[in-house]
Amino acid sequence: MAEEIQLLDVVALTNDVPEHGLYRGQVGTLVEELAPDVYEVDFSDTNGRTYALAPIHVSQCLKLHFHPAPATPSTS
């Protein structure tokens, strides 16, 4: 089951968005909900400077995780 994407989540693009100069794999942060399942995503460089702000549909995002998922209890 897919985890719901929320504001301030860090995501990677799953496809190119050439009209905004963005390509699959670029990483951004969801900063504002524009419509159901559409977020303004802030793409910043390693110095924290924004190089693109773009409306991105959740279907174009892969939520990134920085910690391992909690273990699920065994049902044996």
Protein backbone atom coordinates (compact mmCIF):
# COMPACT_ATOMS: atom_id res chain seq x y z
CA MET A 1 0.00 0.00 0.00
CA ALA A 2 1.37 3.42 -0.98
CA GLU A 3 1.98 5.93 1.77
CA GLU A 4 0.14 9.22 1.44
CA ILE A 5 2.25 12.20 0.38
CA GLN A 6 1.97 15.27 2.64
CA LEU A 7 3.27 18.82 2.87
CA LEU A 8 7.01 19.07 3.57
CA ASP A 9 7.69 15.55 2.30
CA VAL A 10 10.81 15.15 0.21
CA VAL A 11 10.09 13.56 -3.16
CA ALA A 12 11.88 12.58 -6.36
CA LEU A 13 10.34 13.07 -9.78
CA THR A 14 9.33 9.85 -11.53
CA ASN A 15 9.30 11.47 -14.97
CA ASP A 16 10.66 14.52 -16.79
CA VAL A 17 8.86 17.88 -16.53
CA PRO A 18 10.68 19.69 -19.36
CA GLU A 19 8.41 22.75 -19.31
CA HIS A 20 10.00 23.56 -15.92
CA GLY A 21 13.50 22.32 -16.78
CA LEU A 22 13.12 19.33 -14.45
CA TYR A 23 14.07 15.73 -15.05
CA ARG A 24 13.31 12.32 -13.59
CA GLY A 25 15.17 11.78 -10.32
CA GLN A 26 15.42 15.42 -9.29
CA VAL A 27 14.57 15.93 -5.63
CA GLY A 28 12.24 18.57 -4.18
CA THR A 29 10.09 19.41 -1.16
CA LEU A 30 6.31 19.78 -1.20
CA VAL A 31 5.67 23.32 0.03
CA GLU A 32 2.02 24.07 -0.79
CA GLU A 33 -1.11 22.14 -1.75
CA LEU A 34 -2.53 23.75 -4.89
CA ALA A 35 -5.40 21.33 -5.56
CA PRO A 36 -6.27 17.77 -4.63
CA ASP A 37 -3.16 15.70 -5.43
CA VAL A 38 -1.25 18.71 -6.86
CA TYR A 39 1.54 20.37 -4.88
CA GLU A 40 3.94 23.26 -5.40
CA VAL A 41 7.34 21.60 -5.20
CA ASP A 42 10.49 23.52 -4.32
CA PHE A 43 13.61 22.24 -6.05
CA SER A 44 16.76 23.58 -4.37
CA ASP A 45 20.48 23.14 -4.90
CA THR A 46 22.87 21.84 -2.24
CA ASN A 47 23.24 25.41 -0.90
CA GLY A 48 19.48 25.69 -0.32
CA ARG A 49 18.87 28.07 -3.24
CA THR A 50 15.66 27.39 -5.14
CA TYR A 51 16.23 26.75 -8.83
CA ALA A 52 12.63 25.75 -9.68
CA LEU A 53 9.14 25.92 -8.21
CA ALA A 54 6.64 23.83 -10.08
CA PRO A 55 3.15 22.38 -9.67
CA ILE A 56 3.57 18.61 -9.57
CA HIS A 57 0.88 15.91 -9.41
CA VAL A 58 1.43 13.19 -6.81
CA SER A 59 1.49 10.61 -9.61
CA GLN A 60 4.80 12.21 -10.69
CA CYS A 61 6.37 11.84 -7.22
CA LEU A 62 8.13 9.16 -5.26
CA LYS A 63 8.24 9.90 -1.53
CA LEU A 64 11.77 9.53 -0.19
CA HIS A 65 12.47 7.90 3.16
CA PHE A 66 15.51 8.63 5.28
CA HIS A 67 14.92 5.97 7.96
CA PRO A 68 14.16 2.26 7.69
CA ALA A 69 10.51 1.25 7.85
CA PRO A 70 9.41 -0.12 11.24
CA ALA A 71 9.36 -3.89 11.43
CA THR A 72 5.95 -5.47 11.13
CA PRO A 73 5.03 -8.13 13.69
CA SER A 74 5.21 -11.71 12.46
CA THR A 75 1.91 -13.57 12.19
CA SER A 76 3.36 -17.08 12.61
